[in-house]
Amino acid sequence: MNCEHVNAKTIPTPEGPHHAKVVCTDCGKFLGWSAKPENEARNKAERKLIDALNQDSVPLSEWERGFVKSIAQQHPKLSPKQRDRLHELAKKFRL
């Protein structure tokens, strides 16, 4: 979905389910959807939690370590259950 140009603009889409669309300012090609600001903030905070839990100094069980490694690869597309478990682990280790 990319073009050879480097300039893009974000256009709000208040009528649809998406926050905004990103288009090339040179050719008008649709480049993708822009995340809602609150989702970007949540994703950034969750990435910090995942990175903190992924440290060797955090005494995770074998299952917890595997879980953290698996969500690190698929973030930000976490399910609600995965999000809940991430926040439980963060709370458990006071992160």
Foldseek 3Di string as FASTA:
>chain_A
DDDPDDAKDWAADVVDPAGTWIAHPPPRHTDGGDHDPVLVVVLVVLLVLLVVCQDPVNPDDPVVNVLSVVVNVVPPPDDPVSVVVSVVVCVVRVD
